[in-house]
Amino acid sequence: MKLKVQHVMDATLVVAQIIRDNRPMPQKGKYRLARLHAKLLPEFNTITARRDEMITAYGHFTTAPSASDPAVYDPTYSVPADKMPEFNAAWSEIGSEEIGVDVE
């Protein structure tokens, strides 16, 4: 099935949230969601890798204290406000691309 990159990303996040919530549903539904998630996850990982590359290209590197240990600093990347329109335009191009995913 052909899906847009943005739809794959959104669907993967929603399915993962449903699985984490342990919602009551028939066993067949749980099985189908697990299979769907397993098929979407490799594409999702590829998409997030591309997005992270874009963030590092447009953004700047900062460090912030770790939530668990304030003495340790976690590296983070962010896109400055002046480059956000360029980033959004580039991401919308990627998000509108169609990819083939083996799902029903």
PDB file of N, CA and C in Angstrom:
ATOM      1  N   MET A   1       0.835  -1.159   0.000  1.00  0.00           N
ATOM      2  CA  MET A   1       0.000   0.000   0.000  1.00  0.00           C
ATOM      3  C   MET A   1       0.891   1.237   0.000  1.00  0.00           C
ATOM      4  N   LYS A   2       0.528   2.222  -0.766  1.00  0.00           N
ATOM      5  CA  LYS A   2       1.264   3.484  -0.813  1.00  0.00           C
ATOM      6  C   LYS A   2       0.723   4.424   0.265  1.00  0.00           C
ATOM      7  N   LEU A   3       1.619   4.901   1.105  1.00  0.00           N
ATOM      8  CA  LEU A   3       1.266   5.848   2.155  1.00  0.00           C
ATOM      9  C   LEU A   3       2.247   7.008   2.129  1.00  0.00           C
ATOM     10  N   LYS A   4       1.771   8.158   2.556  1.00  0.00           N
ATOM     11  CA  LYS A   4       2.662   9.309   2.668  1.00  0.00           C
ATOM     12  C   LYS A   4       3.521   9.148   3.916  1.00  0.00           C
ATOM     13  N   VAL A   5       4.706   9.709   3.858  1.00  0.00           N
ATOM     14  CA  VAL A   5       5.666   9.598   4.960  1.00  0.00           C
ATOM     15  C   VAL A   5       5.055  10.122   6.256  1.00  0.00           C
ATOM     16  N   GLN A   6       4.370  11.257   6.194  1.00  0.00           N
ATOM     17  CA  GLN A   6       3.769  11.834   7.399  1.00  0.00           C
ATOM     18  C   GLN A   6       2.703  10.913   7.974  1.00  0.00           C
ATOM     19  N   HIS A   7       1.925  10.245   7.122  1.00  0.00           N
ATOM     20  CA  HIS A   7       0.900   9.320   7.601  1.00  0.00           C
ATOM     21  C   HIS A   7       1.532   8.108   8.289  1.00  0.00           C
ATOM     22  N   VAL A   8       2.632   7.609   7.746  1.00  0.00           N
ATOM     23  CA  VAL A   8       3.323   6.479   8.369  1.00  0.00           C
ATOM     24  C   VAL A   8       3.831   6.878   9.748  1.00  0.00           C
ATOM     25  N   MET A   9       4.393   8.061   9.841  1.00  0.00           N
ATOM     26  CA  MET A   9       4.919   8.524  11.122  1.00  0.00           C
ATOM     27  C   MET A   9       3.791   8.672  12.146  1.00  0.00           C
ATOM     28  N   ASP A  10       2.695   9.309  11.752  1.00  0.00           N
ATOM     29  CA  ASP A  10       1.564   9.502  12.660  1.00  0.00           C
ATOM     30  C   ASP A  10       0.946   8.169  13.062  1.00  0.00           C
ATOM     31  N   ALA A  11       0.756   7.273  12.104  1.00  0.00           N
ATOM     32  CA  ALA A  11       0.130   5.976  12.389  1.00  0.00           C
ATOM     33  C   ALA A  11       0.981   5.158  13.342  1.00  0.00           C
ATOM     34  N   THR A  12       2.279   5.178  13.164  1.00  0.00           N
ATOM     35  CA  THR A  12       3.161   4.418  14.046  1.00  0.00           C
ATOM     36  C   THR A  12       3.074   4.932  15.480  1.00  0.00           C
ATOM     37  N   LEU A  13       3.039   6.244  15.646  1.00  0.00           N
ATOM     38  CA  LEU A  13       2.936   6.818  16.985  1.00  0.00           C
ATOM     39  C   LEU A  13       1.604   6.470  17.637  1.00  0.00           C
ATOM     40  N   VAL A  14       0.518   6.508  16.868  1.00  0.00           N
ATOM     41  CA  VAL A  14      -0.802   6.188  17.418  1.00  0.00           C
ATOM     42  C   VAL A  14      -0.895   4.714  17.805  1.00  0.00           C
ATOM     43  N   VAL A  15      -0.438   3.828  16.929  1.00  0.00           N
ATOM     44  CA  VAL A  15      -0.492   2.395  17.218  1.00  0.00           C
ATOM     45  C   VAL A  15       0.371   2.070  18.440  1.00  0.00           C
ATOM     46  N   ALA A  16       1.538   2.683  18.544  1.00  0.00           N
ATOM     47  CA  ALA A  16       2.403   2.446  19.697  1.00  0.00           C
ATOM     48  C   ALA A  16       1.732   2.917  20.981  1.00  0.00           C
ATOM     49  N   GLN A  17       1.031   4.039  20.928  1.00  0.00           N
ATOM     50  CA  GLN A  17       0.331   4.541  22.114  1.00  0.00           C
ATOM     51  C   GLN A  17      -0.794   3.603  22.525  1.00  0.00           C
ATOM     52  N   ILE A  18      -1.529   3.064  21.565  1.00  0.00           N
ATOM     53  CA  ILE A  18      -2.600   2.117  21.866  1.00  0.00           C
ATOM     54  C   ILE A  18      -2.018   0.862  22.518  1.00  0.00           C
ATOM     55  N   ILE A  19      -0.902   0.381  21.990  1.00  0.00           N
ATOM     56  CA  ILE A  19      -0.273  -0.817  22.552  1.00  0.00           C
ATOM     57  C   ILE A  19       0.213  -0.548  23.982  1.00  0.00           C
ATOM     58  N   ARG A  20       0.815   0.609  24.219  1.00  0.00           N
ATOM     59  CA  ARG A  20       1.316   0.942  25.557  1.00  0.00           C
ATOM     60  C   ARG A  20       0.194   1.110  26.582  1.00  0.00           C
ATOM     61  N   ASP A  21      -0.971   1.593  26.141  1.00  0.00           N
ATOM     62  CA  ASP A  21      -2.081   1.832  27.062  1.00  0.00           C
ATOM     63  C   ASP A  21      -2.738   0.548  27.546  1.00  0.00           C
ATOM     64  N   ASN A  22      -2.435  -0.584  26.907  1.00  0.00           N
ATOM     65  CA  ASN A  22      -3.067  -1.860  27.264  1.00  0.00           C
ATOM     66  C   ASN A  22      -4.583  -1.745  27.270  1.00  0.00           C
ATOM     67  N   ARG A  23      -5.112  -1.178  26.212  1.00  0.00           N
ATOM     68  CA  ARG A  23      -6.559  -1.017  26.112  1.00  0.00           C
ATOM     69  C   ARG A  23      -7.238  -2.375  25.996  1.00  0.00           C
ATOM     70  N   PRO A  24      -8.409  -2.519  26.608  1.00  0.00           N
ATOM     71  CA  PRO A  24      -9.113  -3.798  26.496  1.00  0.00           C
ATOM     72  C   PRO A  24      -9.645  -3.980  25.074  1.00  0.00           C
ATOM     73  N   MET A  25      -9.276  -5.078  24.471  1.00  0.00           N
ATOM     74  CA  MET A  25      -9.732  -5.399  23.119  1.00  0.00           C
ATOM     75  C   MET A  25      -9.583  -6.888  22.895  1.00  0.00           C
ATOM     76  N   PRO A  26     -10.262  -7.404  21.887  1.00  0.00           N
ATOM     77  CA  PRO A  26     -10.135  -8.842  21.606  1.00  0.00           C
ATOM     78  C   PRO A  26      -8.703  -9.206  21.236  1.00  0.00           C
ATOM     79  N   GLN A  27      -8.370 -10.458  21.449  1.00  0.00           N
ATOM     80  CA  GLN A  27      -7.021 -10.943  21.162  1.00  0.00           C
ATOM     81  C   GLN A  27      -6.661 -10.731  19.694  1.00  0.00           C
ATOM     82  N   LYS A  28      -7.633 -10.903  18.812  1.00  0.00           N
ATOM     83  CA  LYS A  28      -7.390 -10.723  17.379  1.00  0.00           C
ATOM     84  C   LYS A  28      -6.985  -9.275  17.071  1.00  0.00           C
ATOM     85  N   GLY A  29      -7.597  -8.318  17.755  1.00  0.00           N
ATOM     86  CA  GLY A  29      -7.246  -6.911  17.566  1.00  0.00           C
ATOM     87  C   GLY A  29      -5.838  -6.612  18.044  1.00  0.00           C
ATOM     88  N   LYS A  30      -5.466  -7.178  19.182  1.00  0.00           N
ATOM     89  CA  LYS A  30      -4.109  -6.994  19.699  1.00  0.00           C
ATOM     90  C   LYS A  30      -3.077  -7.565  18.728  1.00  0.00           C
ATOM     91  N   TYR A  31      -3.395  -8.728  18.182  1.00  0.00           N
ATOM     92  CA  TYR A  31      -2.494  -9.374  17.226  1.00  0.00           C
ATOM     93  C   TYR A  31      -2.318  -8.512  15.972  1.00  0.00           C
ATOM     94  N   ARG A  32      -3.420  -7.993  15.464  1.00  0.00           N
ATOM     95  CA  ARG A  32      -3.347  -7.170  14.249  1.00  0.00           C
ATOM     96  C   ARG A  32      -2.585  -5.868  14.490  1.00  0.00           C
ATOM     97  N   LEU A  33      -2.798  -5.253  15.636  1.00  0.00           N
ATOM     98  CA  LEU A  33      -2.049  -4.034  15.956  1.00  0.00           C
ATOM     99  C   LEU A  33      -0.558  -4.320  16.096  1.00  0.00           C
ATOM    100  N   ALA A  34      -0.228  -5.437  16.716  1.00  0.00           N
ATOM    101  CA  ALA A  34       1.186  -5.796  16.876  1.00  0.00           C
ATOM    102  C   ALA A  34       1.839  -6.033  15.510  1.00  0.00           C
ATOM    103  N   ARG A  35       1.127  -6.695  14.613  1.00  0.00           N
ATOM    104  CA  ARG A  35       1.671  -6.930  13.266  1.00  0.00           C
ATOM    105  C   ARG A  35       1.809  -5.624  12.498  1.00  0.00           C
ATOM    106  N   LEU A  36       0.805  -4.760  12.610  1.00  0.00           N
ATOM    107  CA  LEU A  36       0.859  -3.470  11.930  1.00  0.00           C
ATOM    108  C   LEU A  36       2.037  -2.653  12.442  1.00  0.00           C
ATOM    109  N   HIS A  37       2.222  -2.641  13.744  1.00  0.00           N
ATOM    110  CA  HIS A  37       3.332  -1.888  14.329  1.00  0.00           C
ATOM    111  C   HIS A  37       4.674  -2.435  13.861  1.00  0.00           C
ATOM    112  N   ALA A  38       4.790  -3.754  13.793  1.00  0.00           N
ATOM    113  CA  ALA A  38       6.047  -4.374  13.353  1.00  0.00           C
ATOM    114  C   ALA A  38       6.359  -4.029  11.903  1.00  0.00           C
ATOM    115  N   LYS A  39       5.345  -3.861  11.073  1.00  0.00           N
ATOM    116  CA  LYS A  39       5.573  -3.512   9.666  1.00  0.00           C
ATOM    117  C   LYS A  39       5.869  -2.027   9.485  1.00  0.00           C
ATOM    118  N   LEU A  40       5.292  -1.186  10.330  1.00  0.00           N
ATOM    119  CA  LEU A  40       5.502   0.251  10.216  1.00  0.00           C
ATOM    120  C   LEU A  40       6.805   0.712  10.866  1.00  0.00           C
ATOM    121  N   LEU A  41       7.283  -0.016  11.868  1.00  0.00           N
ATOM    122  CA  LEU A  41       8.443   0.424  12.647  1.00  0.00           C
ATOM    123  C   LEU A  41       9.720   0.623  11.834  1.00  0.00           C
ATOM    124  N   PRO A  42      10.087  -0.272  10.896  1.00  0.00           N
ATOM    125  CA  PRO A  42      11.308  -0.015  10.119  1.00  0.00           C
ATOM    126  C   PRO A  42      11.230   1.278   9.297  1.00  0.00           C
ATOM    127  N   GLU A  43      10.068   1.548   8.711  1.00  0.00           N
ATOM    128  CA  GLU A  43       9.893   2.793   7.963  1.00  0.00           C
ATOM    129  C   GLU A  43       9.947   3.990   8.894  1.00  0.00           C
ATOM    130  N   PHE A  44       9.339   3.866  10.071  1.00  0.00           N
ATOM    131  CA  PHE A  44       9.355   4.936  11.061  1.00  0.00           C
ATOM    132  C   PHE A  44      10.775   5.268  11.484  1.00  0.00           C
ATOM    133  N   ASN A  45      11.592   4.245  11.708  1.00  0.00           N
ATOM    134  CA  ASN A  45      12.987   4.477  12.102  1.00  0.00           C
ATOM    135  C   ASN A  45      13.760   5.192  11.008  1.00  0.00           C
ATOM    136  N   THR A  46      13.509   4.844   9.753  1.00  0.00           N
ATOM    137  CA  THR A  46      14.155   5.519   8.628  1.00  0.00           C
ATOM    138  C   THR A  46      13.728   6.980   8.563  1.00  0.00           C
ATOM    139  N   ILE A  47      12.438   7.226   8.760  1.00  0.00           N
ATOM    140  CA  ILE A  47      11.905   8.597   8.708  1.00  0.00           C
ATOM    141  C   ILE A  47      12.492   9.440   9.825  1.00  0.00           C
ATOM    142  N   THR A  48      12.533   8.909  11.037  1.00  0.00           N
ATOM    143  CA  THR A  48      13.069   9.686  12.154  1.00  0.00           C
ATOM    144  C   THR A  48      14.560   9.948  11.987  1.00  0.00           C
ATOM    145  N   ALA A  49      15.275   9.028  11.361  1.00  0.00           N
ATOM    146  CA  ALA A  49      16.698   9.260  11.094  1.00  0.00           C
ATOM    147  C   ALA A  49      16.863  10.426  10.124  1.00  0.00           C
ATOM    148  N   ARG A  50      16.032  10.464   9.084  1.00  0.00           N
ATOM    149  CA  ARG A  50      16.081  11.581   8.136  1.00  0.00           C
ATOM    150  C   ARG A  50      15.722  12.903   8.816  1.00  0.00           C
ATOM    151  N   ARG A  51      14.711  12.862   9.682  1.00  0.00           N
ATOM    152  CA  ARG A  51      14.300  14.073  10.394  1.00  0.00           C
ATOM    153  C   ARG A  51      15.401  14.553  11.329  1.00  0.00           C
ATOM    154  N   ASP A  52      16.050  13.624  12.016  1.00  0.00           N
ATOM    155  CA  ASP A  52      17.146  13.997  12.911  1.00  0.00           C
ATOM    156  C   ASP A  52      18.313  14.609  12.144  1.00  0.00           C
ATOM    157  N   GLU A  53      18.595  14.084  10.948  1.00  0.00           N
ATOM    158  CA  GLU A  53      19.642  14.679  10.111  1.00  0.00           C
ATOM    159  C   GLU A  53      19.277  16.106   9.726  1.00  0.00           C
ATOM    160  N   MET A  54      18.006  16.332   9.411  1.00  0.00           N
ATOM    161  CA  MET A  54      17.561  17.687   9.069  1.00  0.00           C
ATOM    162  C   MET A  54      17.693  18.619  10.260  1.00  0.00           C
ATOM    163  N   ILE A  55      17.336  18.138  11.444  1.00  0.00           N
ATOM    164  CA  ILE A  55      17.419  18.979  12.640  1.00  0.00           C
ATOM    165  C   ILE A  55      18.862  19.363  12.910  1.00  0.00           C
ATOM    166  N   THR A  56      19.793  18.411  12.757  1.00  0.00           N
ATOM    167  CA  THR A  56      21.200  18.749  12.981  1.00  0.00           C
ATOM    168  C   THR A  56      21.724  19.685  11.902  1.00  0.00           C
ATOM    169  N   ALA A  57      21.203  19.583  10.672  1.00  0.00           N
ATOM    170  CA  ALA A  57      21.649  20.465   9.596  1.00  0.00           C
ATOM    171  C   ALA A  57      21.136  21.897   9.796  1.00  0.00           C
ATOM    172  N   TYR A  58      19.889  22.030  10.210  1.00  0.00           N
ATOM    173  CA  TYR A  58      19.298  23.365  10.391  1.00  0.00           C
ATOM    174  C   TYR A  58      19.521  23.919  11.785  1.00  0.00           C
ATOM    175  N   GLY A  59      19.720  23.056  12.750  1.00  0.00           N
ATOM    176  CA  GLY A  59      19.722  23.482  14.135  1.00  0.00           C
ATOM    177  C   GLY A  59      21.079  23.774  14.705  1.00  0.00           C
ATOM    178  N   HIS A  60      21.080  23.937  15.990  1.00  0.00           N
ATOM    179  CA  HIS A  60      22.322  24.148  16.712  1.00  0.00           C
ATOM    180  C   HIS A  60      22.340  23.233  17.936  1.00  0.00           C
ATOM    181  N   PHE A  61      23.524  22.956  18.391  1.00  0.00           N
ATOM    182  CA  PHE A  61      23.767  22.004  19.467  1.00  0.00           C
ATOM    183  C   PHE A  61      23.770  22.731  20.798  1.00  0.00           C
ATOM    184  N   THR A  62      23.031  22.191  21.762  1.00  0.00           N
ATOM    185  CA  THR A  62      23.045  22.745  23.113  1.00  0.00           C
ATOM    186  C   THR A  62      23.148  21.595  24.092  1.00  0.00           C
ATOM    187  N   THR A  63      23.492  21.900  25.306  1.00  0.00           N
ATOM    188  CA  THR A  63      23.505  20.890  26.350  1.00  0.00           C
ATOM    189  C   THR A  63      22.596  21.348  27.477  1.00  0.00           C
ATOM    190  N   ALA A  64      21.927  20.406  28.088  1.00  0.00           N
ATOM    191  CA  ALA A  64      21.024  20.699  29.198  1.00  0.00           C
ATOM    192  C   ALA A  64      21.263  19.663  30.287  1.00  0.00           C
ATOM    193  N   PRO A  65      20.984  20.018  31.532  1.00  0.00           N
ATOM    194  CA  PRO A  65      21.151  19.036  32.611  1.00  0.00           C
ATOM    195  C   PRO A  65      20.215  17.851  32.415  1.00  0.00           C
ATOM    196  N   SER A  66      20.707  16.690  32.718  1.00  0.00           N
ATOM    197  CA  SER A  66      19.912  15.470  32.619  1.00  0.00           C
ATOM    198  C   SER A  66      18.826  15.479  33.689  1.00  0.00           C
ATOM    199  N   ALA A  67      17.671  14.911  33.366  1.00  0.00           N
ATOM    200  CA  ALA A  67      16.579  14.865  34.334  1.00  0.00           C
ATOM    201  C   ALA A  67      16.913  13.944  35.502  1.00  0.00           C
ATOM    202  N   SER A  68      17.639  12.870  35.231  1.00  0.00           N
ATOM    203  CA  SER A  68      17.960  11.920  36.292  1.00  0.00           C
ATOM    204  C   SER A  68      19.160  12.359  37.139  1.00  0.00           C
ATOM    205  N   ASP A  69      20.130  13.043  36.515  1.00  0.00           N
ATOM    206  CA  ASP A  69      21.328  13.469  37.230  1.00  0.00           C
ATOM    207  C   ASP A  69      21.720  14.860  36.752  1.00  0.00           C
ATOM    208  N   PRO A  70      21.453  15.906  37.536  1.00  0.00           N
ATOM    209  CA  PRO A  70      21.755  17.275  37.101  1.00  0.00           C
ATOM    210  C   PRO A  70      23.231  17.537  36.834  1.00  0.00           C
ATOM    211  N   ALA A  71      24.115  16.685  37.343  1.00  0.00           N
ATOM    212  CA  ALA A  71      25.548  16.875  37.105  1.00  0.00           C
ATOM    213  C   ALA A  71      25.941  16.432  35.698  1.00  0.00           C
ATOM    214  N   VAL A  72      25.102  15.636  35.046  1.00  0.00           N
ATOM    215  CA  VAL A  72      25.376  15.141  33.702  1.00  0.00           C
ATOM    216  C   VAL A  72      24.562  15.961  32.711  1.00  0.00           C
ATOM    217  N   TYR A  73      25.202  16.376  31.625  1.00  0.00           N
ATOM    218  CA  TYR A  73      24.523  17.179  30.622  1.00  0.00           C
ATOM    219  C   TYR A  73      24.186  16.333  29.405  1.00  0.00           C
ATOM    220  N   ASP A  74      22.937  16.428  28.963  1.00  0.00           N
ATOM    221  CA  ASP A  74      22.482  15.708  27.779  1.00  0.00           C
ATOM    222  C   ASP A  74      22.602  16.610  26.554  1.00  0.00           C
ATOM    223  N   PRO A  75      23.179  16.111  25.475  1.00  0.00           N
ATOM    224  CA  PRO A  75      23.226  16.917  24.256  1.00  0.00           C
ATOM    225  C   PRO A  75      21.856  16.942  23.578  1.00  0.00           C
ATOM    226  N   THR A  76      21.458  18.105  23.116  1.00  0.00           N
ATOM    227  CA  THR A  76      20.200  18.250  22.389  1.00  0.00           C
ATOM    228  C   THR A  76      20.419  19.141  21.182  1.00  0.00           C
ATOM    229  N   TYR A  77      19.616  18.909  20.171  1.00  0.00           N
ATOM    230  CA  TYR A  77      19.633  19.741  18.977  1.00  0.00           C
ATOM    231  C   TYR A  77      18.284  20.411  18.854  1.00  0.00           C
ATOM    232  N   SER A  78      18.284  21.644  18.408  1.00  0.00           N
ATOM    233  CA  SER A  78      17.027  22.349  18.194  1.00  0.00           C
ATOM    234  C   SER A  78      17.176  23.241  16.965  1.00  0.00           C
ATOM    235  N   VAL A  79      16.050  23.542  16.361  1.00  0.00           N
ATOM    236  CA  VAL A  79      16.035  24.404  15.184  1.00  0.00           C
ATOM    237  C   VAL A  79      15.709  25.817  15.662  1.00  0.00           C
ATOM    238  N   PRO A  80      16.562  26.791  15.355  1.00  0.00           N
ATOM    239  CA  PRO A  80      16.288  28.169  15.770  1.00  0.00           C
ATOM    240  C   PRO A  80      15.037  28.703  15.080  1.00  0.00           C
ATOM    241  N   ALA A  81      14.397  29.670  15.702  1.00  0.00           N
ATOM    242  CA  ALA A  81      13.147  30.227  15.175  1.00  0.00           C
ATOM    243  C   ALA A  81      13.324  30.852  13.797  1.00  0.00           C
ATOM    244  N   ASP A  82      14.491  31.445  13.513  1.00  0.00           N
ATOM    245  CA  ASP A  82      14.690  32.081  12.208  1.00  0.00           C
ATOM    246  C   ASP A  82      14.828  31.061  11.074  1.00  0.00           C
ATOM    247  N   LYS A  83      15.197  29.823  11.387  1.00  0.00           N
ATOM    248  CA  LYS A  83      15.321  28.782  10.357  1.00  0.00           C
ATOM    249  C   LYS A  83      14.114  27.849  10.309  1.00  0.00           C
ATOM    250  N   MET A  84      13.145  28.072  11.187  1.00  0.00           N
ATOM    251  CA  MET A  84      11.985  27.185  11.263  1.00  0.00           C
ATOM    252  C   MET A  84      11.163  27.151   9.969  1.00  0.00           C
ATOM    253  N   PRO A  85      10.911  28.281   9.270  1.00  0.00           N
ATOM    254  CA  PRO A  85      10.162  28.190   8.012  1.00  0.00           C
ATOM    255  C   PRO A  85      10.863  27.330   6.958  1.00  0.00           C
ATOM    256  N   GLU A  86      12.189  27.427   6.870  1.00  0.00           N
ATOM    257  CA  GLU A  86      12.944  26.593   5.933  1.00  0.00           C
ATOM    258  C   GLU A  86      12.832  25.116   6.324  1.00  0.00           C
ATOM    259  N   PHE A  87      12.961  24.848   7.615  1.00  0.00           N
ATOM    260  CA  PHE A  87      12.859  23.473   8.098  1.00  0.00           C
ATOM    261  C   PHE A  87      11.478  22.897   7.814  1.00  0.00           C
ATOM    262  N   ASN A  88      10.421  23.675   8.088  1.00  0.00           N
ATOM    263  CA  ASN A  88       9.057  23.200   7.845  1.00  0.00           C
ATOM    264  C   ASN A  88       8.797  22.948   6.369  1.00  0.00           C
ATOM    265  N   ALA A  89       9.334  23.801   5.499  1.00  0.00           N
ATOM    266  CA  ALA A  89       9.164  23.601   4.063  1.00  0.00           C
ATOM    267  C   ALA A  89       9.866  22.321   3.604  1.00  0.00           C
ATOM    268  N   ALA A  90      11.074  22.095   4.096  1.00  0.00           N
ATOM    269  CA  ALA A  90      11.811  20.881   3.733  1.00  0.00           C
ATOM    270  C   ALA A  90      11.116  19.640   4.294  1.00  0.00           C
ATOM    271  N   TRP A  91      10.596  19.744   5.514  1.00  0.00           N
ATOM    272  CA  TRP A  91       9.916  18.602   6.100  1.00  0.00           C
ATOM    273  C   TRP A  91       8.595  18.308   5.383  1.00  0.00           C
ATOM    274  N   SER A  92       7.883  19.336   4.939  1.00  0.00           N
ATOM    275  CA  SER A  92       6.623  19.096   4.227  1.00  0.00           C
ATOM    276  C   SER A  92       6.874  18.389   2.899  1.00  0.00           C
ATOM    277  N   GLU A  93       8.023  18.671   2.260  1.00  0.00           N
ATOM    278  CA  GLU A  93       8.382  17.944   1.041  1.00  0.00           C
ATOM    279  C   GLU A  93       8.598  16.463   1.351  1.00  0.00           C
ATOM    280  N   ILE A  94       9.323  16.191   2.415  1.00  0.00           N
ATOM    281  CA  ILE A  94       9.573  14.799   2.804  1.00  0.00           C
ATOM    282  C   ILE A  94       8.267  14.142   3.246  1.00  0.00           C
ATOM    283  N   GLY A  95       7.462  14.849   4.010  1.00  0.00           N
ATOM    284  CA  GLY A  95       6.208  14.294   4.511  1.00  0.00           C
ATOM    285  C   GLY A  95       5.204  13.963   3.432  1.00  0.00           C
ATOM    286  N   SER A  96       5.299  14.628   2.290  1.00  0.00           N
ATOM    287  CA  SER A  96       4.340  14.366   1.217  1.00  0.00           C
ATOM    288  C   SER A  96       4.810  13.270   0.255  1.00  0.00           C
ATOM    289  N   GLU A  97       6.026  12.764   0.441  1.00  0.00           N
ATOM    290  CA  GLU A  97       6.503  11.664  -0.394  1.00  0.00           C
ATOM    291  C   GLU A  97       5.698  10.412  -0.100  1.00  0.00           C
ATOM    292  N   GLU A  98       5.484   9.600  -1.134  1.00  0.00           N
ATOM    293  CA  GLU A  98       4.770   8.342  -0.940  1.00  0.00           C
ATOM    294  C   GLU A  98       5.769   7.196  -0.890  1.00  0.00           C
ATOM    295  N   ILE A  99       5.535   6.289   0.048  1.00  0.00           N
ATOM    296  CA  ILE A  99       6.370   5.098   0.163  1.00  0.00           C
ATOM    297  C   ILE A  99       5.468   3.876   0.181  1.00  0.00           C
ATOM    298  N   GLY A 100       6.026   2.770  -0.221  1.00  0.00           N
ATOM    299  CA  GLY A 100       5.282   1.516  -0.218  1.00  0.00           C
ATOM    300  C   GLY A 100       5.480   0.777   1.086  1.00  0.00           C
ATOM    301  N   VAL A 101       4.385   0.449   1.741  1.00  0.00           N
ATOM    302  CA  VAL A 101       4.435  -0.279   3.002  1.00  0.00           C
ATOM    303  C   VAL A 101       3.524  -1.494   2.857  1.00  0.00           C
ATOM    304  N   ASP A 102       3.994  -2.636   3.307  1.00  0.00           N
ATOM    305  CA  ASP A 102       3.242  -3.874   3.180  1.00  0.00           C
ATOM    306  C   ASP A 102       2.239  -4.024   4.318  1.00  0.00           C
ATOM    307  N   VAL A 103       1.172  -3.203   4.283  1.00  0.00           N
ATOM    308  CA  VAL A 103       0.116  -3.281   5.274  1.00  0.00           C
ATOM    309  C   VAL A 103      -1.239  -3.312   4.564  1.00  0.00           C
ATOM    310  N   GLU A 104      -2.233  -3.802   5.287  1.00  0.00           N
ATOM    311  CA  GLU A 104      -3.597  -3.830   4.750  1.00  0.00           C
ATOM    312  C   GLU A 104      -4.448  -2.826   5.479  1.00  0.00           C
TER     313      GLU A 104
END
